[in-house]
Full PDB file with SEQRES, HELIX, SHEET, SSBOND, CRYST1, ORIGX, SCALE, CONECT and MASTER records, all heavy atoms in Angstrom:
SEQRES   1 A   38  LEU GLN GLU GLY TYR GLU HIS TYR ILE VAL LYS PHE PRO          
SEQRES   2 A   38  SER ALA THR ASP THR GLN ASP ILE GLY LYS LEU GLU TYR          
SEQRES   3 A   38  ILE TYR SER LEU MET ALA ARG ASP ALA LYS ILE GLN              
HELIX    1 AA1 ILE A   21  ASP A   34  1                                  14    
CRYST1    1.000    1.000    1.000  90.00  90.00  90.00 P 1           1          
ORIGX1      1.000000  0.000000  0.000000        0.00000                         
ORIGX2      0.000000  1.000000  0.000000        0.00000                         
ORIGX3      0.000000  0.000000  1.000000        0.00000                         
SCALE1      1.000000  0.000000  0.000000        0.00000                         
SCALE2      0.000000  1.000000  0.000000        0.00000                         
SCALE3      0.000000  0.000000  1.000000        0.00000                         
ATOM      1  N   LEU A   1      21.833 133.698 -26.961  1.00  0.00           N  
ATOM      2  CA  LEU A   1      22.800 134.581 -27.593  1.00  0.00           C  
ATOM      3  C   LEU A   1      23.989 133.782 -28.102  1.00  0.00           C  
ATOM      4  O   LEU A   1      24.635 133.041 -27.360  1.00  0.00           O  
ATOM      5  CB  LEU A   1      23.272 135.639 -26.584  1.00  0.00           C  
ATOM      6  CG  LEU A   1      24.166 136.748 -27.149  1.00  0.00           C  
ATOM      7  CD1 LEU A   1      23.394 137.613 -28.132  1.00  0.00           C  
ATOM      8  CD2 LEU A   1      24.721 137.606 -26.011  1.00  0.00           C  
ATOM      9  N   GLN A   2      24.266 133.943 -29.393  1.00  0.00           N  
ATOM     10  CA  GLN A   2      25.367 133.222 -30.018  1.00  0.00           C  
ATOM     11  C   GLN A   2      26.695 133.942 -29.764  1.00  0.00           C  
ATOM     12  O   GLN A   2      26.744 135.161 -29.599  1.00  0.00           O  
ATOM     13  CB  GLN A   2      25.110 133.090 -31.522  1.00  0.00           C  
ATOM     14  CG  GLN A   2      23.795 132.390 -31.865  1.00  0.00           C  
ATOM     15  CD  GLN A   2      23.738 130.969 -31.362  1.00  0.00           C  
ATOM     16  OE1 GLN A   2      24.489 130.099 -31.801  1.00  0.00           O  
ATOM     17  NE2 GLN A   2      22.830 130.705 -30.412  1.00  0.00           N  
ATOM     18  N   GLU A   3      27.759 133.184 -29.735  1.00  0.00           N  
ATOM     19  CA  GLU A   3      29.080 133.744 -29.447  1.00  0.00           C  
ATOM     20  C   GLU A   3      29.447 134.827 -30.456  1.00  0.00           C  
ATOM     21  O   GLU A   3      29.332 134.638 -31.672  1.00  0.00           O  
ATOM     22  CB  GLU A   3      30.138 132.633 -29.459  1.00  0.00           C  
ATOM     23  CG  GLU A   3      31.514 133.115 -29.032  1.00  0.00           C  
ATOM     24  CD  GLU A   3      32.528 131.992 -28.945  1.00  0.00           C  
ATOM     25  OE1 GLU A   3      32.134 130.809 -29.092  1.00  0.00           O  
ATOM     26  OE2 GLU A   3      33.716 132.288 -28.732  1.00  0.00           O  
ATOM     27  N   GLY A   4      29.873 135.974 -29.947  1.00  0.00           N  
ATOM     28  CA  GLY A   4      30.277 137.073 -30.806  1.00  0.00           C  
ATOM     29  C   GLY A   4      29.139 137.984 -31.230  1.00  0.00           C  
ATOM     30  O   GLY A   4      29.362 138.955 -31.958  1.00  0.00           O  
ATOM     31  N   TYR A   5      27.908 137.704 -30.776  1.00  0.00           N  
ATOM     32  CA  TYR A   5      26.737 138.488 -31.166  1.00  0.00           C  
ATOM     33  C   TYR A   5      26.197 139.281 -29.975  1.00  0.00           C  
ATOM     34  O   TYR A   5      26.487 138.984 -28.817  1.00  0.00           O  
ATOM     35  CB  TYR A   5      25.634 137.576 -31.709  1.00  0.00           C  
ATOM     36  CG  TYR A   5      25.887 137.058 -33.109  1.00  0.00           C  
ATOM     37  CD1 TYR A   5      26.781 136.012 -33.325  1.00  0.00           C  
ATOM     38  CD2 TYR A   5      25.244 137.611 -34.207  1.00  0.00           C  
ATOM     39  CE1 TYR A   5      27.022 135.530 -34.610  1.00  0.00           C  
ATOM     40  CE2 TYR A   5      25.477 137.135 -35.497  1.00  0.00           C  
ATOM     41  CZ  TYR A   5      26.365 136.101 -35.691  1.00  0.00           C  
ATOM     42  OH  TYR A   5      26.595 135.629 -36.964  1.00  0.00           O  
ATOM     43  N   GLU A   6      25.378 140.296 -30.283  1.00  0.00           N  
ATOM     44  CA  GLU A   6      24.685 141.095 -29.275  1.00  0.00           C  
ATOM     45  C   GLU A   6      23.211 141.207 -29.661  1.00  0.00           C  
ATOM     46  O   GLU A   6      22.853 141.155 -30.838  1.00  0.00           O  
ATOM     47  CB  GLU A   6      25.290 142.512 -29.175  1.00  0.00           C  
ATOM     48  CG  GLU A   6      26.734 142.544 -28.706  1.00  0.00           C  
ATOM     49  CD  GLU A   6      26.873 142.344 -27.210  1.00  0.00           C  
ATOM     50  OE1 GLU A   6      25.835 142.239 -26.518  1.00  0.00           O  
ATOM     51  OE2 GLU A   6      28.031 142.295 -26.728  1.00  0.00           O  
ATOM     52  N   HIS A   7      22.354 141.388 -28.643  1.00  0.00           N  
ATOM     53  CA  HIS A   7      20.920 141.536 -28.890  1.00  0.00           C  
ATOM     54  C   HIS A   7      20.599 142.941 -29.407  1.00  0.00           C  
ATOM     55  O   HIS A   7      21.000 143.942 -28.800  1.00  0.00           O  
ATOM     56  CB  HIS A   7      20.127 141.302 -27.600  1.00  0.00           C  
ATOM     57  CG  HIS A   7      20.064 139.872 -27.173  1.00  0.00           C  
ATOM     58  ND1 HIS A   7      19.369 138.915 -27.884  1.00  0.00           N  
ATOM     59  CD2 HIS A   7      20.592 139.231 -26.093  1.00  0.00           C  
ATOM     60  CE1 HIS A   7      19.466 137.748 -27.265  1.00  0.00           C  
ATOM     61  NE2 HIS A   7      20.207 137.909 -26.186  1.00  0.00           N  
ATOM     62  N   TYR A   8      19.861 143.002 -30.503  1.00  0.00           N  
ATOM     63  CA  TYR A   8      19.421 144.277 -31.091  1.00  0.00           C  
ATOM     64  C   TYR A   8      17.947 144.206 -31.480  1.00  0.00           C  
ATOM     65  O   TYR A   8      17.368 143.117 -31.597  1.00  0.00           O  
ATOM     66  CB  TYR A   8      20.225 144.598 -32.359  1.00  0.00           C  
ATOM     67  CG  TYR A   8      21.524 145.328 -32.127  1.00  0.00           C  
ATOM     68  CD1 TYR A   8      22.636 144.655 -31.624  1.00  0.00           C  
ATOM     69  CD2 TYR A   8      21.653 146.680 -32.409  1.00  0.00           C  
ATOM     70  CE1 TYR A   8      23.839 145.311 -31.415  1.00  0.00           C  
ATOM     71  CE2 TYR A   8      22.862 147.347 -32.207  1.00  0.00           C  
ATOM     72  CZ  TYR A   8      23.943 146.659 -31.716  1.00  0.00           C  
ATOM     73  OH  TYR A   8      25.130 147.312 -31.508  1.00  0.00           O  
ATOM     74  N   ILE A   9      17.351 145.370 -31.687  1.00  0.00           N  
ATOM     75  CA  ILE A   9      16.041 145.500 -32.324  1.00  0.00           C  
ATOM     76  C   ILE A   9      16.247 146.290 -33.609  1.00  0.00           C  
ATOM     77  O   ILE A   9      16.931 147.322 -33.612  1.00  0.00           O  
ATOM     78  CB  ILE A   9      15.035 146.227 -31.422  1.00  0.00           C  
ATOM     79  CG1 ILE A   9      14.730 145.397 -30.170  1.00  0.00           C  
ATOM     80  CG2 ILE A   9      13.738 146.531 -32.178  1.00  0.00           C  
ATOM     81  CD1 ILE A   9      13.830 146.110 -29.172  1.00  0.00           C  
ATOM     82  N   VAL A  10      15.679 145.814 -34.702  1.00  0.00           N  
ATOM     83  CA  VAL A  10      15.748 146.537 -35.970  1.00  0.00           C  
ATOM     84  C   VAL A  10      14.337 146.987 -36.352  1.00  0.00           C  
ATOM     85  O   VAL A  10      13.363 146.267 -36.135  1.00  0.00           O  
ATOM     86  CB  VAL A  10      16.375 145.666 -37.087  1.00  0.00           C  
ATOM     87  CG1 VAL A  10      15.548 144.424 -37.370  1.00  0.00           C  
ATOM     88  CG2 VAL A  10      16.563 146.478 -38.366  1.00  0.00           C  
ATOM     89  N   LYS A  11      14.246 148.195 -36.899  1.00  0.00           N  
ATOM     90  CA  LYS A  11      12.949 148.763 -37.270  1.00  0.00           C  
ATOM     91  C   LYS A  11      12.823 148.838 -38.791  1.00  0.00           C  
ATOM     92  O   LYS A  11      13.803 149.073 -39.506  1.00  0.00           O  
ATOM     93  CB  LYS A  11      12.800 150.174 -36.692  1.00  0.00           C  
ATOM     94  CG  LYS A  11      12.799 150.243 -35.171  1.00  0.00           C  
ATOM     95  CD  LYS A  11      12.563 151.688 -34.723  1.00  0.00           C  
ATOM     96  CE  LYS A  11      12.505 151.813 -33.223  1.00  0.00           C  
ATOM     97  NZ  LYS A  11      12.205 153.206 -32.804  1.00  0.00           N  
ATOM     98  N   PHE A  12      11.562 148.678 -39.259  1.00  0.00           N  
ATOM     99  CA  PHE A  12      11.258 148.790 -40.681  1.00  0.00           C  
ATOM    100  C   PHE A  12      10.249 149.917 -40.902  1.00  0.00           C  
ATOM    101  O   PHE A  12       9.489 150.262 -39.992  1.00  0.00           O  
ATOM    102  CB  PHE A  12      10.677 147.475 -41.208  1.00  0.00           C  
ATOM    103  CG  PHE A  12      11.540 146.277 -40.918  1.00  0.00           C  
ATOM    104  CD1 PHE A  12      11.095 145.272 -40.071  1.00  0.00           C  
ATOM    105  CD2 PHE A  12      12.799 146.160 -41.480  1.00  0.00           C  
ATOM    106  CE1 PHE A  12      11.887 144.167 -39.798  1.00  0.00           C  
ATOM    107  CE2 PHE A  12      13.593 145.065 -41.212  1.00  0.00           C  
ATOM    108  CZ  PHE A  12      13.144 144.065 -40.371  1.00  0.00           C  
ATOM    109  N   PRO A  13      10.221 150.492 -42.104  1.00  0.00           N  
ATOM    110  CA  PRO A  13       9.255 151.565 -42.370  1.00  0.00           C  
ATOM    111  C   PRO A  13       7.817 151.051 -42.289  1.00  0.00           C  
ATOM    112  O   PRO A  13       7.528 149.926 -42.686  1.00  0.00           O  
ATOM    113  CB  PRO A  13       9.602 152.011 -43.799  1.00  0.00           C  
ATOM    114  CG  PRO A  13      10.995 151.527 -44.040  1.00  0.00           C  
ATOM    115  CD  PRO A  13      11.126 150.266 -43.244  1.00  0.00           C  
ATOM    116  N   SER A  14       6.925 151.895 -41.773  1.00  0.00           N  
ATOM    117  CA  SER A  14       5.500 151.589 -41.811  1.00  0.00           C  
ATOM    118  C   SER A  14       4.926 152.096 -43.126  1.00  0.00           C  
ATOM    119  O   SER A  14       5.644 152.673 -43.953  1.00  0.00           O  
ATOM    120  CB  SER A  14       4.778 152.250 -40.633  1.00  0.00           C  
ATOM    121  OG  SER A  14       4.700 153.658 -40.835  1.00  0.00           O  
ATOM    122  N   ALA A  15       3.634 151.903 -43.299  1.00  0.00           N  
ATOM    123  CA  ALA A  15       2.995 152.300 -44.556  1.00  0.00           C  
ATOM    124  C   ALA A  15       2.991 153.814 -44.745  1.00  0.00           C  
ATOM    125  O   ALA A  15       2.880 154.304 -45.867  1.00  0.00           O  
ATOM    126  CB  ALA A  15       1.567 151.764 -44.600  1.00  0.00           C  
ATOM    127  N   THR A  16       3.130 154.568 -43.659  1.00  0.00           N  
ATOM    128  CA  THR A  16       3.089 156.034 -43.754  1.00  0.00           C  
ATOM    129  C   THR A  16       4.464 156.679 -43.653  1.00  0.00           C  
ATOM    130  O   THR A  16       4.575 157.903 -43.720  1.00  0.00           O  
ATOM    131  CB  THR A  16       2.181 156.605 -42.644  1.00  0.00           C  
ATOM    132  OG1 THR A  16       2.681 156.185 -41.372  1.00  0.00           O  
ATOM    133  CG2 THR A  16       0.743 156.115 -42.810  1.00  0.00           C  
ATOM    134  N   ASP A  17       5.506 155.882 -43.491  1.00  0.00           N  
ATOM    135  CA  ASP A  17       6.861 156.428 -43.353  1.00  0.00           C  
ATOM    136  C   ASP A  17       7.521 156.657 -44.709  1.00  0.00           C  
ATOM    137  O   ASP A  17       7.208 155.980 -45.696  1.00  0.00           O  
ATOM    138  CB  ASP A  17       7.751 155.464 -42.559  1.00  0.00           C  
ATOM    139  CG  ASP A  17       7.417 155.428 -41.079  1.00  0.00           C  
ATOM    140  OD1 ASP A  17       7.024 156.480 -40.546  1.00  0.00           O  
ATOM    141  OD2 ASP A  17       7.546 154.349 -40.476  1.00  0.00           O  
ATOM    142  N   THR A  18       8.456 157.603 -44.739  1.00  0.00           N  
ATOM    143  CA  THR A  18       9.317 157.724 -45.907  1.00  0.00           C  
ATOM    144  C   THR A  18      10.334 156.579 -45.874  1.00  0.00           C  
ATOM    145  O   THR A  18      10.608 156.000 -44.824  1.00  0.00           O  
ATOM    146  CB  THR A  18      10.062 159.067 -45.899  1.00  0.00           C  
ATOM    147  OG1 THR A  18      10.849 159.166 -44.702  1.00  0.00           O  
ATOM    148  CG2 THR A  18       9.083 160.232 -45.946  1.00  0.00           C  
ATOM    149  N   GLN A  19      10.889 156.273 -47.017  1.00  0.00           N  
ATOM    150  CA  GLN A  19      11.831 155.159 -47.115  1.00  0.00           C  
ATOM    151  C   GLN A  19      13.084 155.373 -46.284  1.00  0.00           C  
ATOM    152  O   GLN A  19      13.728 154.409 -45.864  1.00  0.00           O  
ATOM    153  CB  GLN A  19      12.211 154.915 -48.577  1.00  0.00           C  
ATOM    154  CG  GLN A  19      11.176 154.128 -49.370  1.00  0.00           C  
ATOM    155  CD  GLN A  19      11.017 152.708 -48.839  1.00  0.00           C  
ATOM    156  OE1 GLN A  19      10.092 152.415 -48.072  1.00  0.00           O  
ATOM    157  NE2 GLN A  19      11.913 151.817 -49.225  1.00  0.00           N  
ATOM    158  N   ASP A  20      13.423 156.626 -46.031  1.00  0.00           N  
ATOM    159  CA  ASP A  20      14.663 156.896 -45.293  1.00  0.00           C  
ATOM    160  C   ASP A  20      14.422 157.134 -43.808  1.00  0.00           C  
ATOM    161  O   ASP A  20      15.253 157.745 -43.129  1.00  0.00           O  
ATOM    162  CB  ASP A  20      15.399 158.084 -45.905  1.00  0.00           C  
ATOM    163  CG  ASP A  20      14.572 159.367 -45.919  1.00  0.00           C  
ATOM    164  OD1 ASP A  20      13.357 159.292 -45.629  1.00  0.00           O  
ATOM    165  OD2 ASP A  20      15.134 160.434 -46.217  1.00  0.00           O  
ATOM    166  N   ILE A  21      13.307 156.637 -43.275  1.00  0.00           N  
ATOM    167  CA  ILE A  21      13.000 156.833 -41.857  1.00  0.00           C  
ATOM    168  C   ILE A  21      14.093 156.229 -40.972  1.00  0.00           C  
ATOM    169  O   ILE A  21      14.415 156.759 -39.915  1.00  0.00           O  
ATOM    170  CB  ILE A  21      11.614 156.238 -41.507  1.00  0.00           C  
ATOM    171  CG1 ILE A  21      11.228 156.572 -40.062  1.00  0.00           C  
ATOM    172  CG2 ILE A  21      11.576 154.740 -41.735  1.00  0.00           C  
ATOM    173  CD1 ILE A  21      10.951 158.023 -39.816  1.00  0.00           C  
ATOM    174  N   GLY A  22      14.679 155.118 -41.416  1.00  0.00           N  
ATOM    175  CA  GLY A  22      15.753 154.490 -40.652  1.00  0.00           C  
ATOM    176  C   GLY A  22      16.981 155.378 -40.566  1.00  0.00           C  
ATOM    177  O   GLY A  22      17.615 155.497 -39.506  1.00  0.00           O  
ATOM    178  N   LYS A  23      17.328 156.011 -41.681  1.00  0.00           N  
ATOM    179  CA  LYS A  23      18.479 156.918 -41.690  1.00  0.00           C  
ATOM    180  C   LYS A  23      18.228 158.114 -40.780  1.00  0.00           C  
ATOM    181  O   LYS A  23      19.129 158.568 -40.066  1.00  0.00           O  
ATOM    182  CB  LYS A  23      18.765 157.395 -43.112  1.00  0.00           C  
ATOM    183  CG  LYS A  23      19.380 156.341 -44.012  1.00  0.00           C  
ATOM    184  CD  LYS A  23      19.744 156.937 -45.366  1.00  0.00           C  
ATOM    185  CE  LYS A  23      20.483 155.927 -46.238  1.00  0.00           C  
ATOM    186  NZ  LYS A  23      20.864 156.505 -47.551  1.00  0.00           N  
ATOM    187  N   LEU A  24      16.999 158.627 -40.788  1.00  0.00           N  
ATOM    188  CA  LEU A  24      16.684 159.793 -39.969  1.00  0.00           C  
ATOM    189  C   LEU A  24      16.787 159.458 -38.477  1.00  0.00           C  
ATOM    190  O   LEU A  24      17.356 160.233 -37.697  1.00  0.00           O  
ATOM    191  CB  LEU A  24      15.278 160.308 -40.302  1.00  0.00           C  
ATOM    192  CG  LEU A  24      14.860 161.599 -39.590  1.00  0.00           C  
ATOM    193  CD1 LEU A  24      15.839 162.727 -39.882  1.00  0.00           C  
ATOM    194  CD2 LEU A  24      13.443 161.995 -40.006  1.00  0.00           C  
ATOM    195  N   GLU A  25      16.266 158.306 -38.077  1.00  0.00           N  
ATOM    196  CA  GLU A  25      16.371 157.938 -36.665  1.00  0.00           C  
ATOM    197  C   GLU A  25      17.826 157.684 -36.269  1.00  0.00           C  
ATOM    198  O   GLU A  25      18.227 157.975 -35.138  1.00  0.00           O  
ATOM    199  CB  GLU A  25      15.503 156.719 -36.344  1.00  0.00           C  
ATOM    200  CG  GLU A  25      15.434 156.422 -34.857  1.00  0.00           C  
ATOM    201  CD  GLU A  25      14.313 155.492 -34.447  1.00  0.00           C  
ATOM    202  OE1 GLU A  25      13.535 155.053 -35.314  1.00  0.00           O  
ATOM    203  OE2 GLU A  25      14.225 155.204 -33.243  1.00  0.00           O  
ATOM    204  N   TYR A  26      18.606 157.163 -37.200  1.00  0.00           N  
ATOM    205  CA  TYR A  26      20.032 156.965 -36.925  1.00  0.00           C  
ATOM    206  C   TYR A  26      20.727 158.310 -36.712  1.00  0.00           C  
ATOM    207  O   TYR A  26      21.536 158.469 -35.787  1.00  0.00           O  
ATOM    208  CB  TYR A  26      20.682 156.203 -38.077  1.00  0.00           C  
ATOM    209  CG  TYR A  26      22.163 155.942 -37.891  1.00  0.00           C  
ATOM    210  CD1 TYR A  26      22.613 155.135 -36.851  1.00  0.00           C  
ATOM    211  CD2 TYR A  26      23.096 156.515 -38.734  1.00  0.00           C  
ATOM    212  CE1 TYR A  26      23.970 154.896 -36.665  1.00  0.00           C  
ATOM    213  CE2 TYR A  26      24.448 156.287 -38.567  1.00  0.00           C  
ATOM    214  CZ  TYR A  26      24.884 155.477 -37.524  1.00  0.00           C  
ATOM    215  OH  TYR A  26      26.229 155.254 -37.342  1.00  0.00           O  
ATOM    216  N   ILE A  27      20.400 159.297 -37.552  1.00  0.00           N  
ATOM    217  CA  ILE A  27      20.952 160.641 -37.391  1.00  0.00           C  
ATOM    218  C   ILE A  27      20.595 161.198 -36.010  1.00  0.00           C  
ATOM    219  O   ILE A  27      21.442 161.772 -35.309  1.00  0.00           O  
ATOM    220  CB  ILE A  27      20.428 161.581 -38.499  1.00  0.00           C  
ATOM    221  CG1 ILE A  27      21.062 161.218 -39.844  1.00  0.00           C  
ATOM    222  CG2 ILE A  27      20.693 163.048 -38.159  1.00  0.00           C  
ATOM    223  CD1 ILE A  27      20.430 161.907 -41.038  1.00  0.00           C  
ATOM    224  N   TYR A  28      19.356 161.009 -35.610  1.00  0.00           N  
ATOM    225  CA  TYR A  28      18.913 161.509 -34.303  1.00  0.00           C  
ATOM    226  C   TYR A  28      19.654 160.808 -33.163  1.00  0.00           C  
ATOM    227  O   TYR A  28      19.946 161.424 -32.137  1.00  0.00           O  
ATOM    228  CB  TYR A  28      17.401 161.355 -34.157  1.00  0.00           C  
ATOM    229  CG  TYR A  28      16.643 162.608 -34.569  1.00  0.00           C  
ATOM    230  CD1 TYR A  28      16.787 163.141 -35.839  1.00  0.00           C  
ATOM    231  CD2 TYR A  28      15.813 163.268 -33.687  1.00  0.00           C  
ATOM    232  CE1 TYR A  28      16.117 164.288 -36.228  1.00  0.00           C  
ATOM    233  CE2 TYR A  28      15.129 164.425 -34.051  1.00  0.00           C  
ATOM    234  CZ  TYR A  28      15.286 164.930 -35.315  1.00  0.00           C  
ATOM    235  OH  TYR A  28      14.634 166.078 -35.684  1.00  0.00           O  
ATOM    236  N   SER A  29      19.949 159.538 -33.345  1.00  0.00           N  
ATOM    237  CA  SER A  29      20.698 158.834 -32.295  1.00  0.00           C  
ATOM    238  C   SER A  29      22.118 159.391 -32.173  1.00  0.00           C  
ATOM    239  O   SER A  29      22.664 159.484 -31.066  1.00  0.00           O  
ATOM    240  CB  SER A  29      20.736 157.325 -32.585  1.00  0.00           C  
ATOM    241  OG  SER A  29      21.639 156.994 -33.631  1.00  0.00           O  
ATOM    242  N   LEU A  30      22.716 159.777 -33.301  1.00  0.00           N  
ATOM    243  CA  LEU A  30      24.054 160.387 -33.269  1.00  0.00           C  
ATOM    244  C   LEU A  30      24.003 161.762 -32.605  1.00  0.00           C  
ATOM    245  O   LEU A  30      24.875 162.108 -31.796  1.00  0.00           O  
ATOM    246  CB  LEU A  30      24.606 160.507 -34.690  1.00  0.00           C  
ATOM    247  CG  LEU A  30      24.805 159.208 -35.476  1.00  0.00           C  
ATOM    248  CD1 LEU A  30      25.341 159.518 -36.872  1.00  0.00           C  
ATOM    249  CD2 LEU A  30      25.752 158.263 -34.743  1.00  0.00           C  
ATOM    250  N   MET A  31      22.989 162.550 -32.951  1.00  0.00           N  
ATOM    251  CA  MET A  31      22.846 163.866 -32.326  1.00  0.00           C  
ATOM    252  C   MET A  31      22.648 163.734 -30.826  1.00  0.00           C  
ATOM    253  O   MET A  31      23.232 164.490 -30.037  1.00  0.00           O  
ATOM    254  CB  MET A  31      21.656 164.619 -32.946  1.00  0.00           C  
ATOM    255  CG  MET A  31      21.872 165.118 -34.354  1.00  0.00           C  
ATOM    256  SD  MET A  31      20.694 166.415 -34.854  1.00  0.00           S  
ATOM    257  CE  MET A  31      19.120 165.614 -34.607  1.00  0.00           C  
ATOM    258  N   ALA A  32      21.797 162.788 -30.425  1.00  0.00           N  
ATOM    259  CA  ALA A  32      21.512 162.606 -28.996  1.00  0.00           C  
ATOM    260  C   ALA A  32      22.762 162.186 -28.236  1.00  0.00           C  
ATOM    261  O   ALA A  32      23.034 162.679 -27.132  1.00  0.00           O  
ATOM    262  CB  ALA A  32      20.400 161.575 -28.818  1.00  0.00           C  
ATOM    263  N   ARG A  33      23.527 161.292 -28.826  1.00  0.00           N  
ATOM    264  CA  ARG A  33      24.752 160.847 -28.162  1.00  0.00           C  
ATOM    265  C   ARG A  33      25.739 162.011 -28.008  1.00  0.00           C  
ATOM    266  O   ARG A  33      26.371 162.171 -26.964  1.00  0.00           O  
ATOM    267  CB  ARG A  33      25.383 159.691 -28.941  1.00  0.00           C  
ATOM    268  CG  ARG A  33      26.549 159.027 -28.221  1.00  0.00           C  
ATOM    269  CD  ARG A  33      27.028 157.776 -28.950  1.00  0.00           C  
ATOM    270  NE  ARG A  33      26.025 156.709 -28.873  1.00  0.00           N  
ATOM    271  CZ  ARG A  33      25.303 156.294 -29.915  1.00  0.00           C  
ATOM    272  NH1 ARG A  33      25.459 156.837 -31.111  1.00  0.00           N  
ATOM    273  NH2 ARG A  33      24.422 155.333 -29.767  1.00  0.00           N  
ATOM    274  N   ASP A  34      25.850 162.823 -29.048  1.00  0.00           N  
ATOM    275  CA  ASP A  34      26.731 163.987 -28.965  1.00  0.00           C  
ATOM    276  C   ASP A  34      26.207 165.025 -27.979  1.00  0.00           C  
ATOM    277  O   ASP A  34      26.980 165.842 -27.460  1.00  0.00           O  
ATOM    278  CB  ASP A  34      26.911 164.618 -30.348  1.00  0.00           C  
ATOM    279  CG  ASP A  34      27.864 163.814 -31.229  1.00  0.00           C  
ATOM    280  OD1 ASP A  34      28.482 162.864 -30.702  1.00  0.00           O  
ATOM    281  OD2 ASP A  34      27.987 164.131 -32.425  1.00  0.00           O  
ATOM    282  N   ALA A  35      24.906 164.992 -27.726  1.00  0.00           N  
ATOM    283  CA  ALA A  35      24.306 165.895 -26.746  1.00  0.00           C  
ATOM    284  C   ALA A  35      24.442 165.356 -25.324  1.00  0.00           C  
ATOM    285  O   ALA A  35      23.845 165.893 -24.394  1.00  0.00           O  
ATOM    286  CB  ALA A  35      22.837 166.124 -27.077  1.00  0.00           C  
ATOM    287  N   LYS A  36      25.236 164.288 -25.171  1.00  0.00           N  
ATOM    288  CA  LYS A  36      25.526 163.659 -23.875  1.00  0.00           C  
ATOM    289  C   LYS A  36      24.300 162.982 -23.262  1.00  0.00           C  
ATOM    290  O   LYS A  36      24.219 162.821 -22.040  1.00  0.00           O  
ATOM    291  CB  LYS A  36      26.134 164.665 -22.897  1.00  0.00           C  
ATOM    292  CG  LYS A  36      27.451 165.258 -23.372  1.00  0.00           C  
ATOM    293  CD  LYS A  36      28.042 166.205 -22.338  1.00  0.00           C  
ATOM    294  CE  LYS A  36      29.358 166.810 -22.831  1.00  0.00           C  
ATOM    295  NZ  LYS A  36      29.938 167.762 -21.853  1.00  0.00           N  
ATOM    296  N   ILE A  37      23.362 162.593 -24.111  1.00  0.00           N  
ATOM    297  CA  ILE A  37      22.233 161.794 -23.652  1.00  0.00           C  
ATOM    298  C   ILE A  37      22.674 160.336 -23.619  1.00  0.00           C  
ATOM    299  O   ILE A  37      23.350 159.862 -24.550  1.00  0.00           O  
ATOM    300  CB  ILE A  37      21.018 161.985 -24.584  1.00  0.00           C  
ATOM    301  CG1 ILE A  37      20.433 163.383 -24.387  1.00  0.00           C  
ATOM    302  CG2 ILE A  37      19.950 160.925 -24.345  1.00  0.00           C  
ATOM    303  CD1 ILE A  37      19.333 163.739 -25.347  1.00  0.00           C  
ATOM    304  N   GLN A  38      22.305 159.638 -22.561  1.00  0.00           N  
ATOM    305  CA  GLN A  38      22.653 158.220 -22.451  1.00  0.00           C  
ATOM    306  C   GLN A  38      21.884 157.444 -23.517  1.00  0.00           C  
ATOM    307  O   GLN A  38      20.669 157.344 -23.476  1.00  0.00           O  
ATOM    308  CB  GLN A  38      22.313 157.687 -21.061  1.00  0.00           C  
ATOM    309  CG  GLN A  38      22.722 156.226 -20.861  1.00  0.00           C  
ATOM    310  CD  GLN A  38      22.254 155.674 -19.525  1.00  0.00           C  
ATOM    311  OE1 GLN A  38      21.568 156.359 -18.759  1.00  0.00           O  
ATOM    312  NE2 GLN A  38      22.607 154.434 -19.241  1.00  0.00           N  
TER     313      GLN A  38                                                      
MASTER        0    0    0    1    0    0    0    6  312    1    0    3          
END                                                                             
């Protein structure tokens, strides 16, 4: 781990996904956090 960085995983669309699949999962992560899910 380099100074000032954090470990992440990034996802890419599969052959059957819509191009905005990343945006949709991001929206769901915001909803889940607001729903008090860890």
